[in-house]
Amino acid sequence: MTHTIAVRLGLFLIIAAVIDVALVGSEHMVFLGKELLDLIHLVAFWR
């Protein structure tokens, strides 16, 4: 992955998160953050 693609992908994800919070609210972002943390712990366990 080149730096250009990585930067564009990162900007897209940040913009998508900002739009999502602006339209829907931030309550579900906390839930998704907790679930992502659980997934990271699960993957680290199986590594």
PDB file of N, CA and C in Angstrom:
ATOM      1  N   MET A   1       0.856  -1.170   0.000  1.00  0.00           N
ATOM      2  CA  MET A   1       0.000   0.000   0.000  1.00  0.00           C
ATOM      3  C   MET A   1       0.901   1.233   0.000  1.00  0.00           C
ATOM      4  N   THR A   2       0.653   2.098  -0.928  1.00  0.00           N
ATOM      5  CA  THR A   2       1.465   3.308  -0.997  1.00  0.00           C
ATOM      6  C   THR A   2       0.981   4.325   0.031  1.00  0.00           C
ATOM      7  N   HIS A   3       1.789   5.320   0.277  1.00  0.00           N
ATOM      8  CA  HIS A   3       1.446   6.359   1.244  1.00  0.00           C
ATOM      9  C   HIS A   3       0.207   7.146   0.801  1.00  0.00           C
ATOM     10  N   THR A   4       0.091   7.359  -0.482  1.00  0.00           N
ATOM     11  CA  THR A   4      -1.054   8.110  -1.000  1.00  0.00           C
ATOM     12  C   THR A   4      -2.360   7.369  -0.726  1.00  0.00           C
ATOM     13  N   ILE A   5      -2.363   6.079  -0.988  1.00  0.00           N
ATOM     14  CA  ILE A   5      -3.565   5.280  -0.737  1.00  0.00           C
ATOM     15  C   ILE A   5      -3.874   5.250   0.750  1.00  0.00           C
ATOM     16  N   ALA A   6      -2.857   5.099   1.582  1.00  0.00           N
ATOM     17  CA  ALA A   6      -3.068   5.052   3.029  1.00  0.00           C
ATOM     18  C   ALA A   6      -3.634   6.365   3.561  1.00  0.00           C
ATOM     19  N   VAL A   7      -3.131   7.476   3.067  1.00  0.00           N
ATOM     20  CA  VAL A   7      -3.619   8.785   3.504  1.00  0.00           C
ATOM     21  C   VAL A   7      -5.056   8.990   3.056  1.00  0.00           C
ATOM     22  N   ARG A   8      -5.352   8.648   1.830  1.00  0.00           N
ATOM     23  CA  ARG A   8      -6.727   8.797   1.331  1.00  0.00           C
ATOM     24  C   ARG A   8      -7.700   7.902   2.102  1.00  0.00           C
ATOM     25  N   LEU A   9      -7.300   6.673   2.381  1.00  0.00           N
ATOM     26  CA  LEU A   9      -8.144   5.769   3.143  1.00  0.00           C
ATOM     27  C   LEU A   9      -8.369   6.288   4.556  1.00  0.00           C
ATOM     28  N   GLY A  10      -7.316   6.803   5.181  1.00  0.00           N
ATOM     29  CA  GLY A  10      -7.444   7.377   6.517  1.00  0.00           C
ATOM     30  C   GLY A  10      -8.357   8.582   6.538  1.00  0.00           C
ATOM     31  N   LEU A  11      -8.210   9.467   5.562  1.00  0.00           N
ATOM     32  CA  LEU A  11      -9.084  10.642   5.480  1.00  0.00           C
ATOM     33  C   LEU A  11     -10.537  10.238   5.238  1.00  0.00           C
ATOM     34  N   PHE A  12     -10.740   9.243   4.391  1.00  0.00           N
ATOM     35  CA  PHE A  12     -12.094   8.761   4.139  1.00  0.00           C
ATOM     36  C   PHE A  12     -12.732   8.225   5.413  1.00  0.00           C
ATOM     37  N   LEU A  13     -11.987   7.450   6.194  1.00  0.00           N
ATOM     38  CA  LEU A  13     -12.535   6.895   7.433  1.00  0.00           C
ATOM     39  C   LEU A  13     -12.849   7.985   8.449  1.00  0.00           C
ATOM     40  N   ILE A  14     -11.986   8.969   8.547  1.00  0.00           N
ATOM     41  CA  ILE A  14     -12.228  10.070   9.478  1.00  0.00           C
ATOM     42  C   ILE A  14     -13.449  10.881   9.053  1.00  0.00           C
ATOM     43  N   ILE A  15     -13.547  11.188   7.773  1.00  0.00           N
ATOM     44  CA  ILE A  15     -14.690  11.949   7.273  1.00  0.00           C
ATOM     45  C   ILE A  15     -15.983  11.157   7.455  1.00  0.00           C
ATOM     46  N   ALA A  16     -15.940   9.855   7.196  1.00  0.00           N
ATOM     47  CA  ALA A  16     -17.125   9.018   7.370  1.00  0.00           C
ATOM     48  C   ALA A  16     -17.566   8.996   8.830  1.00  0.00           C
ATOM     49  N   ALA A  17     -16.623   8.921   9.765  1.00  0.00           N
ATOM     50  CA  ALA A  17     -16.961   8.919  11.191  1.00  0.00           C
ATOM     51  C   ALA A  17     -17.557  10.260  11.609  1.00  0.00           C
ATOM     52  N   VAL A  18     -17.013  11.357  11.109  1.00  0.00           N
ATOM     53  CA  VAL A  18     -17.530  12.687  11.453  1.00  0.00           C
ATOM     54  C   VAL A  18     -18.948  12.859  10.916  1.00  0.00           C
ATOM     55  N   ILE A  19     -19.181  12.443   9.691  1.00  0.00           N
ATOM     56  CA  ILE A  19     -20.528  12.546   9.117  1.00  0.00           C
ATOM     57  C   ILE A  19     -21.505  11.667   9.895  1.00  0.00           C
ATOM     58  N   ASP A  20     -21.076  10.478  10.276  1.00  0.00           N
ATOM     59  CA  ASP A  20     -21.928   9.565  11.023  1.00  0.00           C
ATOM     60  C   ASP A  20     -22.310  10.157  12.374  1.00  0.00           C
ATOM     61  N   VAL A  21     -21.363  10.735  13.064  1.00  0.00           N
ATOM     62  CA  VAL A  21     -21.648  11.358  14.364  1.00  0.00           C
ATOM     63  C   VAL A  21     -22.555  12.567  14.195  1.00  0.00           C
ATOM     64  N   ALA A  22     -22.353  13.336  13.132  1.00  0.00           N
ATOM     65  CA  ALA A  22     -23.170  14.524  12.904  1.00  0.00           C
ATOM     66  C   ALA A  22     -24.615  14.151  12.585  1.00  0.00           C
ATOM     67  N   LEU A  23     -24.824  13.082  11.847  1.00  0.00           N
ATOM     68  CA  LEU A  23     -26.173  12.710  11.446  1.00  0.00           C
ATOM     69  C   LEU A  23     -26.916  11.877  12.483  1.00  0.00           C
ATOM     70  N   VAL A  24     -26.230  10.945  13.127  1.00  0.00           N
ATOM     71  CA  VAL A  24     -26.897   9.990  13.997  1.00  0.00           C
ATOM     72  C   VAL A  24     -26.645  10.275  15.482  1.00  0.00           C
ATOM     73  N   GLY A  25     -25.468  10.716  15.815  1.00  0.00           N
ATOM     74  CA  GLY A  25     -25.101  10.924  17.209  1.00  0.00           C
ATOM     75  C   GLY A  25     -23.930  10.024  17.567  1.00  0.00           C
ATOM     76  N   SER A  26     -23.441  10.183  18.766  1.00  0.00           N
ATOM     77  CA  SER A  26     -22.227   9.461  19.145  1.00  0.00           C
ATOM     78  C   SER A  26     -22.467   8.275  20.063  1.00  0.00           C
ATOM     79  N   GLU A  27     -23.712   7.946  20.370  1.00  0.00           N
ATOM     80  CA  GLU A  27     -23.966   6.855  21.297  1.00  0.00           C
ATOM     81  C   GLU A  27     -23.480   5.515  20.740  1.00  0.00           C
ATOM     82  N   HIS A  28     -23.730   5.271  19.475  1.00  0.00           N
ATOM     83  CA  HIS A  28     -23.327   4.001  18.892  1.00  0.00           C
ATOM     84  C   HIS A  28     -21.818   3.915  18.678  1.00  0.00           C
ATOM     85  N   MET A  29     -21.153   5.058  18.588  1.00  0.00           N
ATOM     86  CA  MET A  29     -19.700   5.031  18.423  1.00  0.00           C
ATOM     87  C   MET A  29     -19.015   4.472  19.668  1.00  0.00           C
ATOM     88  N   VAL A  30     -19.577   4.749  20.836  1.00  0.00           N
ATOM     89  CA  VAL A  30     -19.034   4.188  22.076  1.00  0.00           C
ATOM     90  C   VAL A  30     -19.201   2.674  22.059  1.00  0.00           C
ATOM     91  N   PHE A  31     -20.362   2.203  21.642  1.00  0.00           N
ATOM     92  CA  PHE A  31     -20.610   0.765  21.543  1.00  0.00           C
ATOM     93  C   PHE A  31     -19.638   0.116  20.566  1.00  0.00           C
ATOM     94  N   LEU A  32     -19.471   0.723  19.390  1.00  0.00           N
ATOM     95  CA  LEU A  32     -18.555   0.161  18.399  1.00  0.00           C
ATOM     96  C   LEU A  32     -17.117   0.169  18.897  1.00  0.00           C
ATOM     97  N   GLY A  33     -16.740   1.193  19.648  1.00  0.00           N
ATOM     98  CA  GLY A  33     -15.396   1.242  20.216  1.00  0.00           C
ATOM     99  C   GLY A  33     -15.160   0.120  21.208  1.00  0.00           C
ATOM    100  N   LYS A  34     -16.151  -0.138  22.045  1.00  0.00           N
ATOM    101  CA  LYS A  34     -16.029  -1.231  23.022  1.00  0.00           C
ATOM    102  C   LYS A  34     -15.956  -2.587  22.322  1.00  0.00           C
ATOM    103  N   GLU A  35     -16.786  -2.760  21.290  1.00  0.00           N
ATOM    104  CA  GLU A  35     -16.770  -4.023  20.552  1.00  0.00           C
ATOM    105  C   GLU A  35     -15.443  -4.201  19.813  1.00  0.00           C
ATOM    106  N   LEU A  36     -14.901  -3.135  19.252  1.00  0.00           N
ATOM    107  CA  LEU A  36     -13.611  -3.219  18.575  1.00  0.00           C
ATOM    108  C   LEU A  36     -12.513  -3.593  19.557  1.00  0.00           C
ATOM    109  N   LEU A  37     -12.565  -3.034  20.753  1.00  0.00           N
ATOM    110  CA  LEU A  37     -11.575  -3.380  21.773  1.00  0.00           C
ATOM    111  C   LEU A  37     -11.685  -4.847  22.158  1.00  0.00           C
ATOM    112  N   ASP A  38     -12.898  -5.356  22.288  1.00  0.00           N
ATOM    113  CA  ASP A  38     -13.087  -6.785  22.571  1.00  0.00           C
ATOM    114  C   ASP A  38     -12.527  -7.646  21.447  1.00  0.00           C
ATOM    115  N   LEU A  39     -12.746  -7.227  20.201  1.00  0.00           N
ATOM    116  CA  LEU A  39     -12.222  -7.969  19.064  1.00  0.00           C
ATOM    117  C   LEU A  39     -10.699  -7.977  19.068  1.00  0.00           C
ATOM    118  N   ILE A  40     -10.096  -6.857  19.393  1.00  0.00           N
ATOM    119  CA  ILE A  40      -8.629  -6.784  19.455  1.00  0.00           C
ATOM    120  C   ILE A  40      -8.087  -7.711  20.526  1.00  0.00           C
ATOM    121  N   HIS A  41      -8.755  -7.756  21.667  1.00  0.00           N
ATOM    122  CA  HIS A  41      -8.330  -8.659  22.740  1.00  0.00           C
ATOM    123  C   HIS A  41      -8.480 -10.122  22.309  1.00  0.00           C
ATOM    124  N   LEU A  42      -9.550 -10.438  21.606  1.00  0.00           N
ATOM    125  CA  LEU A  42      -9.761 -11.803  21.134  1.00  0.00           C
ATOM    126  C   LEU A  42      -8.686 -12.209  20.131  1.00  0.00           C
ATOM    127  N   VAL A  43      -8.382 -11.336  19.209  1.00  0.00           N
ATOM    128  CA  VAL A  43      -7.360 -11.636  18.197  1.00  0.00           C
ATOM    129  C   VAL A  43      -5.994 -11.757  18.858  1.00  0.00           C
ATOM    130  N   ALA A  44      -5.710 -10.908  19.833  1.00  0.00           N
ATOM    131  CA  ALA A  44      -4.419 -10.992  20.539  1.00  0.00           C
ATOM    132  C   ALA A  44      -4.309 -12.300  21.304  1.00  0.00           C
ATOM    133  N   PHE A  45      -5.438 -12.793  21.838  1.00  0.00           N
ATOM    134  CA  PHE A  45      -5.425 -14.057  22.562  1.00  0.00           C
ATOM    135  C   PHE A  45      -5.087 -15.216  21.629  1.00  0.00           C
ATOM    136  N   TRP A  46      -5.666 -15.237  20.440  1.00  0.00           N
ATOM    137  CA  TRP A  46      -5.443 -16.334  19.507  1.00  0.00           C
ATOM    138  C   TRP A  46      -4.118 -16.224  18.782  1.00  0.00           C
ATOM    139  N   ARG A  47      -3.456 -15.115  18.893  1.00  0.00           N
ATOM    140  CA  ARG A  47      -2.157 -14.974  18.259  1.00  0.00           C
ATOM    141  C   ARG A  47      -1.158 -15.761  19.052  1.00  0.00           C
TER     142      ARG A  47
END
